[in-house]
Amino acid sequence: MMTTGQELKETEQEAQATELDQIAEDLTPNQDRGVLKVIKKPGIDHETPMIGDKVFVHYTGTLLNGKIFDSSRERKEQFVFDLGKGQVLKAWDIGVASMKKGEVCQLICKPNYAYGAAGSPPKVPANATLLFEVELIDFKGEDLTECEDGGIIRRIKKKGQGYSTPNEGATVEVYLEGRTNAVLFDQRDVTFVVGEGEDQDIPIGVDKALEKMQRGEHCILHLMPEYGFGDLGKPHLNVPPNAELDYEILLKNFEKAKESWEMNTQEKLERAVLVKEKGTLYFKAGKYKQAQIQYRKIVAWLEQEYCLTQDESRRAKALILAAHLNEAMCHLKLNKYLKAVENCDRALQIDRTNEKALYRRGEARLCVNEFDLAKADFQKVLQVNPENKAAKAQIVLCHNRIKEHHERNKKIYANMFQKFADRDSKGETRKCSRQRERSIFKEVEEDPPEEKKAREAE
């Protein structure tokens, strides 16, 4: 029986795969040779990605017969995924974790680390061993901030157990090391309450990160100043103002705080009073983010409480109102003016003539140049309390700002109209000039009538 060229080619490719198999490094934890790696081009750095890192790769996937079934290069688009989160084949989570930036390697992936017995029809058959050429272009840590502003970056050295994580108010036992510019400033075992780490000289970025960590997790955090010790620094730890911080954290154990549904109304009211006082202490110390955490607890506990007695309802409303007013003040201090407006709006839903809510909303609106709305708020303050001197002064300030704004616009528009007039004038001048030029050229180019007639006669 004769062998076709295609069959020979496939036999050669399978032989090459077998040869690769023999020289490749086994990456599997239990050394079952399910994921093998051959480096084709070494990386440019010594660091490798960690669990949760966002990785950027190019790849080409082939079957043992050499047939390409998928390629990011053909699509001309990098492939991006979070390492170790089960978003890709098991072989990829294992293989890419071993790579360095700039490295190109060949991964040989046995079926149980790839698509298994099911395959991935129609391109990948059942029980297929796959070859991937992978280039690791870049990787970066996981951003834990809500707005993804890069303020808290986590990189996981060792994954924790289970799915449970500490909640706000949980008691945690951690080992930590803190550094700035590679200089160690803190190293200890410590127990504290999540959201109140500042009491133990632990920045809010660590508080926030702990809410995402599992028991036993060992991670590295990079904190920007806003999530570290801010513009105050921490002098007794030799941390200067506006310093970026690096923490290594091991979450050894934790006990979750009671959730809202686990507390009765009386317990919520009693605890709300305590956290309000705690928030006020943070506020007076200039720790506005920590204060906000306390005020938000009050709202979370009491806002959805129903079937209250008249006294309980009165106390709950008073606490919720104070929480919104105080958080609005925190936002003003942090220059988060629109957030301050939101809190004031919610306070005014409880008490539509609340003097503090109207005044603070006016302050926030003034800071974002909403002069007319700000003036209206300060005027409402005077309707509630005609003796409020601060509101009177703010109304004068609003009038001045409105006048300045109108004068500035007047100058801008005057200059704009003058520019339009100058441009139009220049346009007319150029137009007249072009007309004169055409007239001159016409006179020069055209023959005198007598000569023209003579030529026509010729």
Protein backbone atom coordinates (compact mmCIF):
# COMPACT_ATOMS: atom_id res chain seq x y z
CA MET A 1 0.00 0.00 0.00
CA MET A 2 1.47 3.37 -1.05
CA THR A 3 1.79 6.26 1.41
CA THR A 4 0.57 9.71 0.31
CA GLY A 5 2.57 12.90 0.75
CA GLN A 6 0.06 14.17 3.31
CA GLU A 7 0.40 11.02 5.38
CA LEU A 8 4.21 11.32 5.29
CA LYS A 9 3.98 14.93 6.42
CA GLU A 10 1.69 14.00 9.30
CA THR A 11 4.03 11.15 10.29
CA GLU A 12 6.99 13.54 10.34
CA GLN A 13 5.07 16.05 12.46
CA GLU A 14 4.04 13.39 14.95
CA ALA A 15 7.68 12.26 15.13
CA GLN A 16 8.72 15.87 15.87
CA ALA A 17 6.10 16.07 18.60
CA THR A 18 7.46 12.85 20.11
CA GLU A 19 10.98 14.29 20.00
CA LEU A 20 9.74 17.47 21.73
CA ASP A 21 8.03 15.29 24.32
CA GLN A 22 11.35 13.68 25.18
CA ILE A 23 13.32 16.92 25.69
CA ALA A 24 10.52 19.00 27.27
CA GLU A 25 10.19 20.08 30.89
CA ASP A 26 7.27 18.58 32.83
CA LEU A 27 5.28 21.44 34.41
CA THR A 28 2.54 19.45 36.11
CA PRO A 29 2.48 19.46 39.94
CA ASN A 30 2.30 15.66 40.12
CA GLN A 31 4.81 15.12 37.27
CA ASP A 32 2.43 13.14 35.06
CA ARG A 33 3.80 14.78 31.87
CA GLY A 34 0.39 16.22 31.06
CA VAL A 35 1.84 19.68 30.30
CA LEU A 36 5.30 19.81 28.76
CA LYS A 37 7.28 22.90 27.79
CA VAL A 38 10.15 23.65 25.44
CA ILE A 39 11.56 27.19 25.43
CA LYS A 40 12.08 28.53 21.91
CA LYS A 41 13.11 32.05 22.96
CA PRO A 42 14.13 32.99 26.53
CA GLY A 43 12.35 35.81 28.33
CA ILE A 44 13.84 39.22 29.09
CA ASP A 45 13.05 39.25 32.81
CA HIS A 46 13.35 36.92 35.79
CA GLU A 47 9.79 37.48 37.05
CA THR A 48 6.87 35.20 36.16
CA PRO A 49 3.11 35.91 36.40
CA MET A 50 1.22 35.14 39.60
CA ILE A 51 -2.32 33.90 40.23
CA GLY A 52 -4.86 36.56 39.29
CA ASP A 53 -2.45 38.50 37.07
CA LYS A 54 -3.85 39.79 33.79
CA VAL A 55 -1.66 38.26 31.07
CA PHE A 56 -1.27 39.28 27.43
CA VAL A 57 -0.18 36.60 24.95
CA HIS A 58 -0.01 35.62 21.30
CA TYR A 59 -0.45 31.95 20.44
CA THR A 60 -0.90 29.42 17.66
CA GLY A 61 -2.58 26.10 18.43
CA THR A 62 -2.02 23.01 16.28
CA LEU A 63 -2.99 19.36 16.31
CA LEU A 64 -0.28 16.68 16.17
CA ASN A 65 -0.78 16.48 12.39
CA GLY A 66 0.30 20.12 12.10
CA LYS A 67 -3.16 21.50 11.36
CA ILE A 68 -3.74 24.92 12.93
CA PHE A 69 -7.06 25.07 14.80
CA ASP A 70 -6.68 28.52 16.42
CA SER A 71 -4.32 31.48 16.27
CA SER A 72 -4.36 34.94 17.83
CA ARG A 73 -1.71 35.99 15.32
CA GLU A 74 -4.04 35.27 12.43
CA ARG A 75 -6.64 37.46 14.13
CA LYS A 76 -3.91 40.09 14.75
CA GLU A 77 -5.22 40.54 18.28
CA GLN A 78 -3.53 39.70 21.59
CA PHE A 79 -5.33 37.25 23.85
CA VAL A 80 -5.89 38.48 27.43
CA PHE A 81 -6.98 36.44 30.46
CA ASP A 82 -6.65 36.28 34.25
CA LEU A 83 -4.14 33.62 35.23
CA GLY A 84 -5.20 30.82 37.54
CA LYS A 85 -8.90 31.70 37.48
CA GLY A 86 -10.04 28.82 35.24
CA GLN A 87 -10.73 31.11 32.27
CA VAL A 88 -8.57 29.01 29.92
CA LEU A 89 -7.43 25.40 29.49
CA LYS A 90 -5.82 23.90 32.58
CA ALA A 91 -2.61 23.49 30.57
CA TRP A 92 -2.50 27.22 29.92
CA ASP A 93 -2.92 28.17 33.60
CA ILE A 94 0.01 25.85 34.37
CA GLY A 95 2.17 26.67 31.36
CA VAL A 96 1.87 30.47 31.23
CA ALA A 97 2.57 30.68 34.98
CA SER A 98 6.09 29.37 34.23
CA MET A 99 6.88 31.94 31.54
CA LYS A 100 8.84 35.18 31.64
CA LYS A 101 7.99 38.37 29.76
CA GLY A 102 9.11 38.10 26.13
CA GLU A 103 9.47 34.31 26.31
CA VAL A 104 8.28 32.11 23.44
CA CYS A 105 7.68 28.46 24.20
CA GLN A 106 6.04 25.32 22.91
CA LEU A 107 3.45 23.73 25.21
CA ILE A 108 2.52 20.09 24.66
CA CYS A 109 -0.86 19.54 26.29
CA LYS A 110 -2.24 16.06 26.89
CA PRO A 111 -6.04 15.63 26.57
CA ASN A 112 -6.82 15.69 30.31
CA TYR A 113 -5.20 19.15 30.50
CA ALA A 114 -6.85 20.34 27.28
CA TYR A 115 -10.29 19.52 25.84
CA GLY A 116 -10.38 15.92 27.10
CA ALA A 117 -12.72 13.27 25.77
CA ALA A 118 -15.24 15.84 24.53
CA GLY A 119 -12.80 17.70 22.29
CA SER A 120 -13.92 21.01 20.83
CA PRO A 121 -15.82 20.20 17.63
CA PRO A 122 -15.42 20.72 14.81
CA LYS A 123 -11.75 21.74 14.98
CA VAL A 124 -10.41 19.69 17.91
CA PRO A 125 -11.26 15.97 17.99
CA ALA A 126 -11.81 13.92 21.13
CA ASN A 127 -8.78 12.97 23.24
CA ALA A 128 -6.47 15.22 21.23
CA THR A 129 -2.97 16.16 22.35
CA LEU A 130 -2.43 19.82 21.42
CA LEU A 131 0.63 21.90 20.64
CA PHE A 132 0.64 25.61 21.45
CA GLU A 133 3.32 28.10 20.55
CA VAL A 134 2.86 30.87 23.13
CA GLU A 135 4.55 34.26 23.46
CA LEU A 136 4.11 36.06 26.79
CA ILE A 137 3.96 39.73 25.85
CA ASP A 138 3.12 41.27 29.23
CA PHE A 139 1.39 40.74 32.57
CA LYS A 140 0.18 42.91 35.42
CA GLY A 141 -1.43 42.48 38.83
CA GLU A 142 -5.14 42.48 39.61
CA ASP A 143 -6.73 45.88 40.32
CA LEU A 144 -8.91 45.59 43.43
CA THR A 145 -10.37 49.11 43.40
CA GLU A 146 -14.02 49.58 42.44
CA CYS A 147 -13.18 52.24 39.87
CA GLU A 148 -10.07 50.35 38.64
CA ASP A 149 -7.82 53.35 39.16
CA GLY A 150 -4.73 51.23 39.90
CA GLY A 151 -4.78 52.21 43.56
CA ILE A 152 -4.64 48.64 44.95
CA ILE A 153 -2.80 46.04 42.88
CA ARG A 154 -2.72 42.46 44.15
CA ARG A 155 -0.48 39.60 43.09
CA ILE A 156 -1.13 36.19 44.65
CA LYS A 157 1.91 34.12 45.62
CA LYS A 158 -0.15 31.31 47.13
CA LYS A 159 -3.85 30.76 46.66
CA GLY A 160 -6.04 30.43 49.75
CA GLN A 161 -8.54 27.70 50.59
CA GLY A 162 -12.29 27.71 50.11
CA TYR A 163 -14.49 30.51 48.82
CA SER A 164 -15.24 32.48 51.99
CA THR A 165 -13.59 35.88 52.47
CA PRO A 166 -13.63 38.37 55.36
CA ASN A 167 -16.43 40.92 55.31
CA GLU A 168 -16.34 44.48 56.57
CA GLY A 169 -16.11 44.27 60.35
CA ALA A 170 -14.53 40.79 60.33
CA THR A 171 -11.74 40.07 62.81
CA VAL A 172 -8.63 38.95 60.92
CA GLU A 173 -5.31 37.43 61.94
CA VAL A 174 -2.55 38.30 59.50
CA TYR A 175 1.20 38.35 59.12
CA LEU A 176 2.37 41.41 57.23
CA GLU A 177 5.48 43.15 55.98
CA GLY A 178 5.31 46.75 54.78
CA ARG A 179 7.88 48.49 52.59
CA THR A 180 8.32 51.80 50.84
CA ASN A 181 11.07 52.16 48.25
CA ALA A 182 12.14 48.63 49.24
CA VAL A 183 12.80 49.77 52.85
CA LEU A 184 11.05 47.67 55.51
CA PHE A 185 8.97 49.82 57.88
CA ASP A 186 6.59 47.23 59.39
CA GLN A 187 6.82 43.49 60.11
CA ARG A 188 4.51 41.66 62.53
CA ASP A 189 1.64 39.33 63.33
CA VAL A 190 -1.45 41.40 64.05
CA THR A 191 -5.15 40.95 64.76
CA PHE A 192 -7.59 43.72 63.84
CA VAL A 193 -11.06 44.50 62.50
CA VAL A 194 -11.47 44.97 58.74
CA GLY A 195 -12.31 48.61 58.14
CA GLU A 196 -10.52 49.69 61.31
CA GLY A 197 -6.94 48.81 60.37
CA GLU A 198 -5.88 52.42 60.87
CA ASP A 199 -6.18 51.80 64.62
CA GLN A 200 -3.22 49.42 64.19
CA ASP A 201 -1.30 51.65 61.71
CA ILE A 202 -2.55 49.58 58.77
CA PRO A 203 -3.66 51.55 55.68
CA ILE A 204 -7.09 51.34 54.14
CA GLY A 205 -5.74 49.60 51.02
CA VAL A 206 -4.94 46.55 53.15
CA ASP A 207 -8.47 46.67 54.63
CA LYS A 208 -9.96 46.68 51.14
CA ALA A 209 -7.71 43.88 49.89
CA LEU A 210 -8.54 41.60 52.82
CA GLU A 211 -12.20 41.57 51.76
CA LYS A 212 -11.04 39.76 48.57
CA MET A 213 -8.68 37.26 50.22
CA GLN A 214 -9.26 33.64 51.18
CA ARG A 215 -8.00 31.95 54.33
CA GLY A 216 -4.35 30.97 53.86
CA GLU A 217 -3.80 33.31 50.91
CA HIS A 218 -0.34 34.84 50.60
CA CYS A 219 -0.23 37.92 48.40
CA ILE A 220 1.69 41.07 47.51
CA LEU A 221 -0.06 44.45 47.43
CA HIS A 222 1.07 47.67 45.81
CA LEU A 223 -0.78 50.69 47.20
CA MET A 224 -0.87 54.17 45.73
CA PRO A 225 -0.76 57.01 48.32
CA GLU A 226 -4.53 57.48 48.33
CA TYR A 227 -4.90 53.90 49.62
CA GLY A 228 -1.80 54.07 51.81
CA PHE A 229 -1.07 56.74 54.39
CA GLY A 230 -1.89 59.63 52.02
CA ASP A 231 -0.45 63.09 52.35
CA LEU A 232 0.00 62.67 56.10
CA GLY A 233 2.38 59.75 55.83
CA LYS A 234 3.18 57.83 59.01
CA PRO A 235 6.09 59.64 60.70
CA HIS A 236 6.62 57.17 63.56
CA LEU A 237 7.02 54.39 60.96
CA ASN A 238 9.33 56.59 58.85
CA VAL A 239 6.81 56.60 55.98
CA PRO A 240 6.91 59.99 54.21
CA PRO A 241 3.82 61.79 52.84
CA ASN A 242 2.39 60.55 49.51
CA ALA A 243 4.46 57.37 49.57
CA GLU A 244 3.64 54.30 47.50
CA LEU A 245 3.59 51.19 49.68
CA ASP A 246 4.28 47.50 49.13
CA TYR A 247 2.80 44.95 51.52
CA GLU A 248 3.24 41.21 51.74
CA ILE A 249 0.21 39.71 53.48
CA LEU A 250 -0.59 36.24 54.78
CA LEU A 251 -4.21 35.85 55.92
CA LYS A 252 -3.86 33.23 58.64
CA ASN A 253 -7.43 33.20 59.92
CA PHE A 254 -10.59 35.29 60.22
CA GLU A 255 -13.99 35.41 61.87
CA LYS A 256 -16.69 37.09 59.84
CA ALA A 257 -18.74 39.90 61.33
CA LYS A 258 -22.47 39.40 61.72
CA GLU A 259 -24.35 40.21 58.55
CA SER A 260 -27.33 42.57 58.71
CA TRP A 261 -29.85 39.72 58.56
CA GLU A 262 -28.20 38.07 61.58
CA MET A 263 -28.90 41.03 63.90
CA ASN A 264 -32.20 42.10 65.42
CA THR A 265 -33.37 45.70 65.30
CA GLN A 266 -32.21 46.59 68.80
CA GLU A 267 -28.73 45.22 68.13
CA LYS A 268 -28.49 47.22 64.88
CA LEU A 269 -29.50 50.43 66.63
CA GLU A 270 -27.00 49.90 69.43
CA ARG A 271 -24.15 49.08 67.07
CA ALA A 272 -25.07 51.99 64.79
CA VAL A 273 -24.53 54.41 67.67
CA LEU A 274 -21.08 52.91 68.31
CA VAL A 275 -19.92 53.04 64.69
CA LYS A 276 -21.21 56.61 64.37
CA GLU A 277 -18.94 57.58 67.25
CA LYS A 278 -16.09 55.63 65.64
CA GLY A 279 -16.65 57.44 62.35
CA THR A 280 -16.57 60.79 64.11
CA LEU A 281 -13.21 59.94 65.70
CA TYR A 282 -11.79 59.01 62.28
CA PHE A 283 -13.21 62.21 60.76
CA LYS A 284 -11.64 64.42 63.41
CA ALA A 285 -8.31 62.68 62.78
CA GLY A 286 -8.57 63.45 59.07
CA LYS A 287 -9.09 59.77 58.16
CA TYR A 288 -12.06 60.38 55.89
CA LYS A 289 -12.10 57.07 54.02
CA GLN A 290 -12.12 55.14 57.29
CA ALA A 291 -14.90 57.40 58.58
CA GLN A 292 -16.99 56.65 55.48
CA ILE A 293 -16.75 52.93 56.14
CA GLN A 294 -18.37 53.44 59.53
CA TYR A 295 -21.14 55.72 58.24
CA ARG A 296 -22.00 53.29 55.44
CA LYS A 297 -22.49 50.51 57.97
CA ILE A 298 -25.30 52.50 59.58
CA VAL A 299 -27.13 52.88 56.27
CA ALA A 300 -26.61 49.21 55.35
CA TRP A 301 -28.00 48.05 58.71
CA LEU A 302 -30.98 50.36 59.09
CA GLU A 303 -32.16 51.57 55.69
CA GLN A 304 -34.15 48.42 54.90
CA GLU A 305 -35.56 47.90 58.41
CA TYR A 306 -39.35 47.60 58.49
CA CYS A 307 -42.02 46.99 61.12
CA LEU A 308 -40.30 49.28 63.61
CA THR A 309 -41.93 50.81 66.63
CA GLN A 310 -42.43 54.57 66.57
CA ASP A 311 -39.39 55.09 68.81
CA GLU A 312 -37.22 52.69 66.78
CA SER A 313 -38.25 54.41 63.55
CA ARG A 314 -37.36 57.82 64.96
CA ARG A 315 -33.94 56.62 66.15
CA ALA A 316 -33.21 54.81 62.88
CA LYS A 317 -34.08 57.86 60.75
CA ALA A 318 -31.91 60.09 62.93
CA LEU A 319 -28.94 57.74 62.58
CA ILE A 320 -29.38 57.30 58.80
CA LEU A 321 -29.72 61.06 58.35
CA ALA A 322 -26.54 61.69 60.36
CA ALA A 323 -24.71 59.01 58.35
CA HIS A 324 -25.59 60.65 55.01
CA LEU A 325 -24.71 64.13 56.29
CA ASN A 326 -21.39 62.97 57.70
CA GLU A 327 -20.46 60.98 54.60
CA ALA A 328 -21.28 64.04 52.47
CA MET A 329 -18.81 65.98 54.61
CA CYS A 330 -16.18 63.28 54.02
CA HIS A 331 -16.74 63.55 50.26
CA LEU A 332 -16.28 67.31 50.44
CA LYS A 333 -12.97 66.83 52.24
CA LEU A 334 -11.90 64.29 49.58
CA ASN A 335 -13.01 66.60 46.71
CA LYS A 336 -15.64 64.07 45.61
CA TYR A 337 -18.27 66.72 45.03
CA LEU A 338 -20.80 64.76 42.99
CA LYS A 339 -20.75 62.00 45.61
CA ALA A 340 -21.40 64.67 48.26
CA VAL A 341 -24.44 65.84 46.29
CA GLU A 342 -25.76 62.25 46.22
CA ASN A 343 -25.50 61.92 50.00
CA CYS A 344 -27.21 65.27 50.53
CA ASP A 345 -30.02 64.25 48.18
CA ARG A 346 -30.57 61.10 50.22
CA ALA A 347 -30.54 63.11 53.44
CA LEU A 348 -33.14 65.49 51.99
CA GLN A 349 -35.37 62.55 51.15
CA ILE A 350 -35.55 61.97 54.90
CA ASP A 351 -35.76 65.65 55.89
CA ARG A 352 -36.43 67.97 52.93
CA THR A 353 -35.66 71.12 54.92
CA ASN A 354 -32.51 69.89 56.59
CA GLU A 355 -30.21 72.89 56.95
CA LYS A 356 -26.93 70.95 56.88
CA ALA A 357 -27.93 68.91 53.81
CA LEU A 358 -28.93 72.02 51.86
CA TYR A 359 -25.79 73.90 52.86
CA ARG A 360 -23.40 71.02 52.06
CA ARG A 361 -25.11 70.37 48.73
CA GLY A 362 -24.69 74.07 47.95
CA GLU A 363 -20.98 73.83 48.81
CA ALA A 364 -20.53 70.80 46.55
CA ARG A 365 -22.39 72.44 43.65
CA LEU A 366 -20.37 75.63 44.03
CA CYS A 367 -17.17 73.58 43.73
CA VAL A 368 -18.30 72.14 40.37
CA ASN A 369 -19.34 75.59 39.05
CA GLU A 370 -23.10 74.95 39.27
CA PHE A 371 -23.52 78.51 40.57
CA ASP A 372 -27.27 78.90 40.06
CA LEU A 373 -28.07 75.57 41.73
CA ALA A 374 -25.69 76.37 44.58
CA LYS A 375 -27.30 79.78 45.09
CA ALA A 376 -30.74 78.15 45.17
CA ASP A 377 -29.55 75.77 47.90
CA PHE A 378 -28.15 78.59 50.04
CA GLN A 379 -31.38 80.55 49.58
CA LYS A 380 -33.30 77.52 50.86
CA VAL A 381 -30.97 77.45 53.86
CA LEU A 382 -32.03 81.02 54.65
CA GLN A 383 -35.67 80.05 54.34
CA VAL A 384 -35.05 77.44 57.03
CA ASN A 385 -32.78 79.66 59.12
CA PRO A 386 -32.71 83.37 58.19
CA GLU A 387 -29.84 83.92 60.66
CA ASN A 388 -27.39 81.61 58.87
CA LYS A 389 -24.52 84.04 58.15
CA ALA A 390 -22.46 81.45 56.28
CA ALA A 391 -25.28 80.92 53.75
CA LYS A 392 -25.57 84.69 53.23
CA ALA A 393 -21.85 84.89 52.52
CA GLN A 394 -22.09 81.97 50.09
CA ILE A 395 -24.92 83.67 48.18
CA VAL A 396 -22.70 86.75 47.73
CA LEU A 397 -19.91 84.44 46.55
CA CYS A 398 -22.31 82.78 44.07
CA HIS A 399 -23.31 86.20 42.68
CA ASN A 400 -19.65 87.11 42.24
CA ARG A 401 -18.86 83.78 40.56
CA ILE A 402 -21.85 84.13 38.23
CA LYS A 403 -20.75 87.66 37.33
CA GLU A 404 -17.15 86.51 36.74
CA HIS A 405 -18.43 83.61 34.65
CA HIS A 406 -20.56 85.96 32.49
CA GLU A 407 -17.66 88.41 32.08
CA ARG A 408 -15.34 85.61 31.08
CA ASN A 409 -17.84 84.26 28.56
CA LYS A 410 -18.39 87.77 27.23
CA LYS A 411 -14.68 88.16 26.56
CA ILE A 412 -14.44 84.70 25.03
CA TYR A 413 -17.37 85.35 22.68
CA ALA A 414 -16.15 88.86 21.86
CA ASN A 415 -12.76 87.47 20.89
CA MET A 416 -14.44 84.68 18.98
CA PHE A 417 -16.65 87.07 16.99
CA GLN A 418 -13.66 89.34 16.33
CA LYS A 419 -11.71 86.37 15.00
CA PHE A 420 -14.63 85.44 12.74
CA ALA A 421 -14.84 89.05 11.53
CA ASP A 422 -11.07 89.19 10.90
CA ARG A 423 -11.21 85.89 9.08
CA ASP A 424 -14.15 87.01 6.95
CA SER A 425 -12.38 90.30 6.23
CA LYS A 426 -9.24 88.46 5.16
CA GLY A 427 -11.38 86.16 3.08
CA GLU A 428 -12.95 89.11 1.25
CA THR A 429 -9.51 90.65 0.73
CA ARG A 430 -8.18 87.39 -0.71
CA LYS A 431 -11.28 87.07 -2.88
CA CYS A 432 -10.85 90.59 -4.29
CA SER A 433 -7.16 89.95 -4.80
CA ARG A 434 -7.89 86.72 -6.70
CA GLN A 435 -10.45 88.52 -8.87
CA ARG A 436 -7.93 91.24 -9.69
CA GLU A 437 -5.31 88.60 -10.50
CA ARG A 438 -7.72 86.78 -12.80
CA SER A 439 -8.55 90.08 -14.52
CA ILE A 440 -4.86 90.90 -15.04
CA PHE A 441 -4.10 87.41 -16.32
CA LYS A 442 -7.05 87.63 -18.65
CA GLU A 443 -5.81 90.94 -20.01
CA VAL A 444 -2.33 89.53 -20.49
CA GLU A 445 -3.38 86.21 -21.98
CA GLU A 446 -6.00 87.48 -24.41
CA ASP A 447 -4.84 88.96 -27.69
CA PRO A 448 -5.98 92.40 -28.78
CA PRO A 449 -9.16 92.14 -30.90
CA GLU A 450 -7.39 93.17 -34.15
CA GLU A 451 -4.67 90.50 -33.80
CA LYS A 452 -7.25 87.89 -32.83
CA LYS A 453 -9.34 88.61 -35.93
CA ALA A 454 -6.25 88.50 -38.11
CA ARG A 455 -5.27 85.06 -36.75
CA GLU A 456 -8.79 83.76 -37.19
CA ALA A 457 -8.69 84.95 -40.80
CA GLU A 458 -5.38 83.15 -41.33
